[in-house]
Amino acid sequence: MSTRHAVVSGASIAGLSAAFWLRRTGWEVTVLERSETFRDGGQNVDVRGIAREVLARMGLTEAVKEQNTTETGTVFVDENGEVIAELPSNGPDGATAEFEVLRGDFATTILRHLPEGVEVVYGDTIAEVTDDDRVTITTASRRVLHANLLVIAEGVRSSTRDLLFGDQVDRRDLGIAMVFGTIPRTPADDSRWRWYTTTQGRQIHLRPDNHGTTRAMLAHARAADLTRRDRAGALAEMRERFADAGWEAGRVLDGFDTSADVYVDQLTQIRMPTWHRGRVVLAGDAAWCVTPMGGGGASLALVSGYVLAACLSTTEGLAGYEKWMRPLVEDVQDFPGWMVPFAYPRTRLGLGLTRVVNRVMTSRLLAPLTERMTQVAYTEQALPPVAAAHH
């Protein structure tokens, strides 16, 4: 029997997890990555719930732990940087998780441990797909690939998903613009995630990393879609909106002007009635972007690669993959409608209410409940078994 060939489009966590497990279960795997080189930037992600079991089955638990960002906890601060409340971080799934790692470090760790035989092609992307008795993929460079499976793991704004599933994509813009970047660390920075909320729907976040720098984020609710602007335009808009925000706003904006890895995002959930059609399947944010408001996107991405390969190694197939993953995804996506206005208050009164509720929810009495609310990627389902590879 000839070896089955899978093409995976996208070399981040979902795509690399799929490549890892498909190869482990006997597939030939080609990974296509749009970027000219491996993208090793990005902000904090974590490994929670059932994803920790997948990580263990990959043999990568210690390798990922070694990449820990050094973050020890999460605190809400006021305009003077004084701590208002501290989120519980006692267990492995507190606001600061046991496996707290930068996206780029996490993806690099998987890349370095891919089974032998996975081909990774950089600087190319999918232009055309036909799915008849097999999938024929033509890339932008006119390379033609024939495969038994195409895995689209390109992220929330996936062009190949839109090409093949455009009529099925439900985009839900949460109305929150975020700008991420890496800025110089100062002596005042410590080992905690410091989270500042102020009026007009604005937040500033500072987090330590394991590279001697600080990861910063500006978030603004009810903002225009900054992804439609170039970097200079997006930063100019944020500078205007955060001019009177207080705390570390000026430092973050100045840092972003020279940061090498500024990334602009408009939080958008992706919801789809199906994640597969024929021999094509979606994984990670391309299928179900949960956004940082839901959290756990990296954990779901890691799990998706395992579940996909496991179901394809048995008779469960692509339908089994969807059936197993959907409850996890929907649990994260379906956060209450009041969460955005609560997290991003407009007025002084709203800000005062948010701060009071944060204090109450992080009090000794209610902290265990708050900790349970931060748990994602939890399931009573056992991971599907992987059948032995047939070579």
Protein backbone atom coordinates (compact mmCIF):
# COMPACT_ATOMS: atom_id res chain seq x y z
CA MET A 1 0.00 0.00 0.00
CA SER A 2 1.41 3.41 -0.96
CA THR A 3 2.05 5.90 1.83
CA ARG A 4 -0.60 8.56 2.23
CA HIS A 5 0.55 12.15 1.70
CA ALA A 6 -0.73 15.14 3.70
CA VAL A 7 -0.11 18.80 2.93
CA VAL A 8 -0.36 21.11 5.93
CA SER A 9 -0.67 24.84 5.23
CA GLY A 10 0.62 26.93 8.12
CA ALA A 11 3.64 26.31 10.37
CA SER A 12 2.40 27.54 13.72
CA ILE A 13 1.15 25.42 16.63
CA ALA A 14 -1.90 23.80 14.95
CA GLY A 15 -0.06 23.06 11.71
CA LEU A 16 3.06 21.73 13.41
CA SER A 17 1.01 19.56 15.79
CA ALA A 18 -0.87 18.11 12.82
CA ALA A 19 2.43 17.51 10.97
CA PHE A 20 3.95 15.87 14.06
CA TRP A 21 1.09 13.44 14.62
CA LEU A 22 0.30 12.68 10.98
CA ARG A 23 3.95 11.75 10.44
CA ARG A 24 3.95 9.75 13.67
CA THR A 25 0.96 7.78 12.34
CA GLY A 26 2.63 6.97 9.03
CA TRP A 27 1.78 9.82 6.66
CA GLU A 28 4.21 11.61 4.38
CA VAL A 29 3.89 15.28 5.34
CA THR A 30 4.70 18.53 3.54
CA VAL A 31 4.24 21.78 5.47
CA LEU A 32 3.78 25.02 3.52
CA GLU A 33 4.54 28.28 5.33
CA ARG A 34 3.81 31.67 3.79
CA SER A 35 6.67 33.43 5.61
CA GLU A 36 10.16 33.35 4.10
CA THR A 37 11.57 32.04 7.40
CA PHE A 38 10.11 30.40 10.48
CA ARG A 39 8.06 32.89 12.51
CA ASP A 40 9.47 32.72 16.04
CA GLY A 41 7.85 35.88 17.43
CA GLY A 42 4.65 36.30 19.38
CA GLN A 43 3.22 36.78 22.83
CA ASN A 44 2.46 34.53 25.78
CA VAL A 45 0.47 31.37 25.23
CA ASP A 46 -0.09 28.48 27.60
CA VAL A 47 -0.75 24.75 27.71
CA ARG A 48 -3.85 23.87 29.70
CA GLY A 49 -6.22 20.99 30.38
CA ILE A 50 -6.09 18.03 28.02
CA ALA A 51 -3.33 19.78 26.01
CA ARG A 52 -0.87 18.87 28.76
CA GLU A 53 -1.57 15.19 28.08
CA VAL A 54 -0.96 15.72 24.34
CA LEU A 55 2.30 17.48 25.16
CA ALA A 56 3.34 14.53 27.32
CA ARG A 57 2.53 12.07 24.53
CA MET A 58 4.77 14.13 22.24
CA GLY A 59 7.57 13.79 24.79
CA LEU A 60 7.87 17.58 24.99
CA THR A 61 6.79 18.38 28.54
CA GLU A 62 10.27 19.20 29.83
CA ALA A 63 11.35 20.94 26.61
CA VAL A 64 8.40 23.34 26.87
CA LYS A 65 8.86 23.85 30.62
CA GLU A 66 12.43 24.96 29.90
CA GLN A 67 11.01 27.76 27.73
CA ASN A 68 8.93 29.18 30.60
CA THR A 69 8.49 32.95 30.37
CA THR A 70 9.45 33.36 34.09
CA GLU A 71 6.02 34.89 34.82
CA THR A 72 4.94 34.12 38.40
CA GLY A 73 1.49 35.70 38.70
CA THR A 74 -1.11 38.15 37.41
CA VAL A 75 -2.11 41.44 39.05
CA PHE A 76 -4.50 44.28 38.24
CA VAL A 77 -2.87 47.67 38.76
CA ASP A 78 -4.07 51.28 38.92
CA GLU A 79 -2.68 54.38 37.18
CA ASN A 80 0.18 54.51 39.69
CA GLY A 81 1.11 50.88 39.18
CA GLU A 82 -0.25 49.93 42.61
CA VAL A 83 -1.77 46.45 42.85
CA ILE A 84 -5.57 46.48 43.12
CA ALA A 85 -6.14 42.72 42.98
CA GLU A 86 -4.24 39.53 42.21
CA LEU A 87 -5.64 36.69 40.13
CA PRO A 88 -5.22 33.17 41.56
CA SER A 89 -2.23 31.33 40.11
CA ASN A 90 -2.01 28.44 42.55
CA GLY A 91 -2.80 25.46 40.32
CA PRO A 92 -1.44 24.56 36.88
CA ASP A 93 -4.31 26.44 35.21
CA GLY A 94 -4.39 29.76 37.05
CA ALA A 95 -4.27 33.08 35.18
CA THR A 96 -0.53 32.45 34.90
CA ALA A 97 -0.39 28.80 33.89
CA GLU A 98 2.23 26.20 34.83
CA PHE A 99 3.18 26.05 31.13
CA GLU A 100 3.48 29.74 30.27
CA VAL A 101 5.53 30.11 27.10
CA LEU A 102 5.98 32.50 24.18
CA ARG A 103 4.18 31.44 21.01
CA GLY A 104 7.40 31.49 19.03
CA ASP A 105 9.31 29.42 21.60
CA PHE A 106 6.47 26.88 21.74
CA ALA A 107 6.25 26.54 17.96
CA THR A 108 10.06 26.33 17.66
CA THR A 109 10.12 23.51 20.22
CA ILE A 110 7.63 21.48 18.17
CA LEU A 111 9.49 22.27 14.93
CA ARG A 112 12.78 21.01 16.37
CA HIS A 113 11.17 17.75 17.47
CA LEU A 114 9.20 16.94 14.31
CA PRO A 115 9.65 13.29 13.34
CA GLU A 116 12.13 12.66 10.58
CA GLY A 117 10.65 12.96 7.12
CA VAL A 118 8.46 16.07 7.52
CA GLU A 119 9.27 18.53 4.72
CA VAL A 120 8.83 22.23 5.57
CA VAL A 121 8.65 24.66 2.63
CA TYR A 122 8.95 28.40 3.36
CA GLY A 123 7.95 31.41 1.29
CA ASP A 124 5.09 29.73 -0.56
CA THR A 125 1.34 29.66 -0.19
CA ILE A 126 -1.64 27.92 -1.74
CA ALA A 127 -3.14 29.49 -4.88
CA GLU A 128 -5.48 26.76 -6.19
CA VAL A 129 -7.00 23.52 -4.89
CA THR A 130 -8.96 20.82 -6.67
CA ASP A 131 -10.39 17.90 -4.72
CA ASP A 132 -11.38 14.96 -6.90
CA ASP A 133 -10.03 11.45 -6.34
CA ARG A 134 -7.12 13.23 -4.60
CA VAL A 135 -6.26 16.80 -3.60
CA THR A 136 -4.20 18.74 -6.14
CA ILE A 137 -2.59 21.86 -4.72
CA THR A 138 -0.98 24.55 -6.84
CA THR A 139 1.11 27.06 -4.92
CA ALA A 140 1.83 30.71 -5.69
CA SER A 141 5.24 29.64 -7.04
CA ARG A 142 3.40 27.17 -9.37
CA ARG A 143 4.59 24.12 -7.47
CA VAL A 144 2.05 21.29 -7.82
CA LEU A 145 1.46 18.86 -4.95
CA HIS A 146 -0.79 15.80 -4.95
CA ALA A 147 -2.10 14.66 -1.60
CA ASN A 148 -4.65 12.50 0.16
CA LEU A 149 -5.32 15.25 2.71
CA LEU A 150 -5.02 19.03 2.96
CA VAL A 151 -4.90 20.52 6.46
CA ILE A 152 -5.54 24.28 6.54
CA ALA A 153 -3.94 25.71 9.68
CA GLU A 154 -3.26 29.26 8.50
CA GLY A 155 -4.81 31.28 11.31
CA VAL A 156 -7.85 33.51 11.73
CA ARG A 157 -7.50 35.29 8.37
CA SER A 158 -6.80 32.14 6.38
CA SER A 159 -6.95 32.79 2.63
CA THR A 160 -7.18 29.10 1.72
CA ARG A 161 -10.12 28.60 4.11
CA ASP A 162 -11.88 31.56 2.49
CA LEU A 163 -11.13 30.15 -0.96
CA LEU A 164 -12.62 26.72 -0.19
CA PHE A 165 -15.11 27.38 2.62
CA GLY A 166 -15.99 31.05 2.06
CA ASP A 167 -19.75 30.43 2.23
CA GLN A 168 -19.36 28.67 5.60
CA VAL A 169 -17.34 31.29 7.50
CA ASP A 170 -19.14 33.26 10.23
CA ARG A 171 -16.83 36.07 11.39
CA ARG A 172 -17.77 37.69 14.69
CA ASP A 173 -15.83 40.92 15.24
CA LEU A 174 -15.64 41.57 18.99
CA GLY A 175 -14.83 45.23 18.40
CA ILE A 176 -11.47 45.06 20.19
CA ALA A 177 -8.24 46.21 18.55
CA MET A 178 -4.98 44.91 20.03
CA VAL A 179 -1.38 45.86 19.31
CA PHE A 180 1.37 43.59 20.59
CA GLY A 181 5.12 44.12 20.66
CA THR A 182 8.38 43.57 22.50
CA ILE A 183 9.91 46.52 24.37
CA PRO A 184 13.04 46.98 26.51
CA ARG A 185 12.80 45.76 30.08
CA THR A 186 13.24 48.34 32.84
CA PRO A 187 14.28 47.85 36.50
CA ALA A 188 10.65 48.51 37.49
CA ASP A 189 9.42 45.48 35.54
CA ASP A 190 8.96 42.39 37.68
CA SER A 191 7.95 38.75 37.24
CA ARG A 192 4.20 39.44 37.17
CA TRP A 193 1.72 40.04 34.39
CA ARG A 194 0.59 43.61 35.14
CA TRP A 195 -2.84 44.46 33.78
CA TYR A 196 -4.09 48.06 33.71
CA THR A 197 -7.64 49.01 32.73
CA THR A 198 -8.83 52.58 32.33
CA THR A 199 -11.76 54.48 30.84
CA GLN A 200 -12.82 54.65 27.16
CA GLY A 201 -12.36 50.89 26.83
CA ARG A 202 -8.56 50.85 27.11
CA GLN A 203 -6.14 48.31 28.57
CA ILE A 204 -2.34 48.14 28.89
CA HIS A 205 -0.57 44.85 29.64
CA LEU A 206 3.08 44.24 30.53
CA ARG A 207 4.46 40.71 30.87
CA PRO A 208 7.96 39.36 31.52
CA ASP A 209 9.66 37.04 29.07
CA ASN A 210 12.68 34.74 29.17
CA HIS A 211 14.68 36.80 26.66
CA GLY A 212 15.51 39.81 28.82
CA THR A 213 12.74 41.97 27.34
CA THR A 214 9.12 42.81 28.17
CA ARG A 215 6.05 41.83 26.15
CA ALA A 216 3.55 44.67 25.91
CA MET A 217 -0.01 44.95 24.66
CA LEU A 218 -2.42 47.83 24.09
CA ALA A 219 -6.10 46.97 23.72
CA HIS A 220 -8.96 49.27 22.80
CA ALA A 221 -12.64 48.32 22.65
CA ARG A 222 -15.06 49.73 20.10
CA ALA A 223 -12.09 50.69 17.95
CA ALA A 224 -11.86 50.88 14.18
CA ASP A 225 -10.27 47.81 12.56
CA LEU A 226 -6.56 48.60 12.75
CA THR A 227 -5.65 45.58 10.60
CA ARG A 228 -6.75 47.63 7.58
CA ARG A 229 -3.95 50.15 8.23
CA ASP A 230 -0.20 49.88 7.84
CA ARG A 231 1.97 49.71 10.93
CA ALA A 232 2.62 53.45 11.08
CA GLY A 233 -1.07 54.24 10.73
CA ALA A 234 -2.10 51.74 13.39
CA LEU A 235 0.48 53.06 15.87
CA ALA A 236 -0.50 56.66 15.18
CA GLU A 237 -4.12 55.77 15.89
CA MET A 238 -3.18 54.06 19.16
CA ARG A 239 -0.95 56.97 20.18
CA GLU A 240 -3.93 59.29 19.77
CA ARG A 241 -6.30 57.02 21.67
CA PHE A 242 -3.87 56.33 24.53
CA ALA A 243 -2.50 59.89 24.88
CA ASP A 244 -4.17 60.39 28.27
CA ALA A 245 -4.40 56.74 29.35
CA GLY A 246 -1.79 57.06 32.09
CA TRP A 247 0.43 54.42 33.71
CA GLU A 248 2.97 53.05 31.15
CA ALA A 249 1.14 54.15 27.97
CA GLY A 250 3.90 56.52 26.80
CA ARG A 251 6.64 53.98 27.37
CA VAL A 252 4.76 51.25 25.48
CA LEU A 253 3.98 53.52 22.53
CA ASP A 254 7.59 54.69 22.32
CA GLY A 255 8.77 51.08 22.56
CA PHE A 256 6.44 49.99 19.74
CA ASP A 257 7.94 52.64 17.44
CA THR A 258 11.21 50.67 17.34
CA SER A 259 9.96 47.15 18.21
CA ALA A 260 10.88 44.53 15.61
CA ASP A 261 7.76 42.41 16.09
CA VAL A 262 4.74 44.71 16.37
CA TYR A 263 1.57 42.80 15.54
CA VAL A 264 -1.87 44.36 15.08
CA ASP A 265 -5.04 42.31 15.57
CA GLN A 266 -8.78 42.86 15.52
CA LEU A 267 -10.33 40.21 17.76
CA THR A 268 -12.57 38.11 15.56
CA GLN A 269 -14.16 34.79 16.39
CA ILE A 270 -14.47 32.26 13.59
CA ARG A 271 -17.48 29.96 13.74
CA MET A 272 -18.24 27.35 11.10
CA PRO A 273 -20.91 24.65 10.75
CA THR A 274 -18.31 22.20 9.46
CA TRP A 275 -14.52 22.01 9.53
CA HIS A 276 -14.08 19.53 6.70
CA ARG A 277 -15.18 18.93 3.16
CA GLY A 278 -13.95 16.08 1.00
CA ARG A 279 -10.23 15.64 1.69
CA VAL A 280 -9.77 19.12 3.14
CA VAL A 281 -9.89 19.88 6.88
CA LEU A 282 -9.39 22.97 9.04
CA ALA A 283 -7.47 23.14 12.31
CA GLY A 284 -6.70 25.83 14.89
CA ASP A 285 -7.71 29.46 14.46
CA ALA A 286 -8.62 28.96 10.79
CA ALA A 287 -11.48 26.74 11.99
CA TRP A 288 -12.54 28.26 15.28
CA CYS A 289 -10.55 31.30 16.41
CA VAL A 290 -11.56 31.75 20.06
CA THR A 291 -9.60 35.03 20.53
CA PRO A 292 -7.72 35.98 23.72
CA MET A 293 -11.12 36.86 25.26
CA GLY A 294 -11.91 33.15 25.32
CA GLY A 295 -8.33 32.03 25.86
CA GLY A 296 -6.74 28.65 25.32
CA GLY A 297 -6.20 28.99 21.58
CA ALA A 298 -2.74 27.42 21.72
CA SER A 299 -4.02 24.49 23.79
CA LEU A 300 -6.86 23.84 21.33
CA ALA A 301 -4.39 24.10 18.43
CA LEU A 302 -2.05 21.53 19.98
CA VAL A 303 -4.88 19.12 20.77
CA SER A 304 -6.39 19.46 17.29
CA GLY A 305 -3.29 18.03 15.60
CA TYR A 306 -3.34 14.95 17.81
CA VAL A 307 -7.09 14.35 17.54
CA LEU A 308 -7.01 14.75 13.75
CA ALA A 309 -4.23 12.20 13.28
CA ALA A 310 -5.72 9.81 15.85
CA CYS A 311 -9.15 9.80 14.20
CA LEU A 312 -7.59 9.34 10.76
CA SER A 313 -5.57 6.39 12.08
CA THR A 314 -8.84 4.60 12.94
CA THR A 315 -12.27 4.45 11.31
CA GLU A 316 -13.41 7.67 13.04
CA GLY A 317 -12.07 9.84 10.21
CA LEU A 318 -12.67 13.58 9.80
CA ALA A 319 -16.19 13.35 11.22
CA GLY A 320 -14.75 11.83 14.40
CA TYR A 321 -12.23 14.67 14.65
CA GLU A 322 -15.01 17.26 14.50
CA LYS A 323 -17.22 15.40 16.96
CA TRP A 324 -14.39 15.19 19.51
CA MET A 325 -13.13 18.78 19.17
CA ARG A 326 -16.39 20.75 18.96
CA PRO A 327 -17.39 20.62 22.64
CA LEU A 328 -13.95 21.97 23.68
CA VAL A 329 -14.14 24.80 21.17
CA GLU A 330 -17.72 25.79 21.93
CA ASP A 331 -17.00 25.82 25.65
CA VAL A 332 -14.36 28.52 25.08
CA GLN A 333 -16.20 30.51 22.40
CA ASP A 334 -19.46 30.90 24.27
CA PHE A 335 -18.44 33.47 26.85
CA PRO A 336 -21.24 35.76 28.15
CA GLY A 337 -22.12 38.93 26.25
CA TRP A 338 -21.46 41.19 29.23
CA MET A 339 -17.79 40.20 29.38
CA VAL A 340 -16.52 42.71 26.81
CA PRO A 341 -18.21 45.83 28.28
CA PHE A 342 -17.22 44.69 31.78
CA ALA A 343 -13.57 44.14 30.84
CA TYR A 344 -13.42 47.37 28.82
CA PRO A 345 -15.40 50.01 30.78
CA ARG A 346 -16.14 53.33 29.08
CA THR A 347 -16.78 55.60 32.05
CA ARG A 348 -15.31 56.37 35.48
CA LEU A 349 -18.37 54.75 37.05
CA GLY A 350 -17.91 51.62 34.94
CA LEU A 351 -14.20 51.50 35.77
CA GLY A 352 -14.98 51.76 39.48
CA LEU A 353 -17.47 48.89 39.21
CA THR A 354 -14.96 46.73 37.30
CA ARG A 355 -12.33 47.30 39.98
CA VAL A 356 -14.75 46.48 42.81
CA VAL A 357 -15.83 43.25 41.11
CA ASN A 358 -12.19 42.30 40.45
CA ARG A 359 -11.39 42.74 44.14
CA VAL A 360 -14.39 40.65 45.18
CA MET A 361 -13.76 37.88 42.64
CA THR A 362 -10.10 37.57 43.71
CA SER A 363 -10.89 37.62 47.43
CA ARG A 364 -10.01 34.53 49.43
CA LEU A 365 -13.66 33.45 49.49
CA LEU A 366 -14.27 33.60 45.72
CA ALA A 367 -10.76 32.97 44.36
CA PRO A 368 -11.42 29.22 43.82
CA LEU A 369 -14.46 30.09 41.67
CA THR A 370 -12.43 32.63 39.69
CA GLU A 371 -9.69 30.06 39.14
CA ARG A 372 -12.22 27.59 37.70
CA MET A 373 -13.37 30.31 35.28
CA THR A 374 -9.86 30.51 33.79
CA GLN A 375 -9.82 26.79 32.98
CA VAL A 376 -10.01 25.92 29.29
CA ALA A 377 -9.40 22.78 27.21
CA TYR A 378 -10.93 20.63 29.93
CA THR A 379 -12.91 17.58 28.92
CA GLU A 380 -14.28 14.38 30.38
CA GLN A 381 -13.54 12.72 27.03
CA ALA A 382 -10.49 10.49 26.85
CA LEU A 383 -8.13 11.33 24.03
CA PRO A 384 -8.91 9.10 21.02
CA PRO A 385 -6.46 6.22 20.57
CA VAL A 386 -3.79 6.26 17.88
CA ALA A 387 -3.64 3.12 15.77
CA ALA A 388 -0.18 1.78 14.94
CA ALA A 389 1.26 3.18 11.72
CA HIS A 390 1.37 0.86 8.71
CA HIS A 391 4.43 1.37 6.55
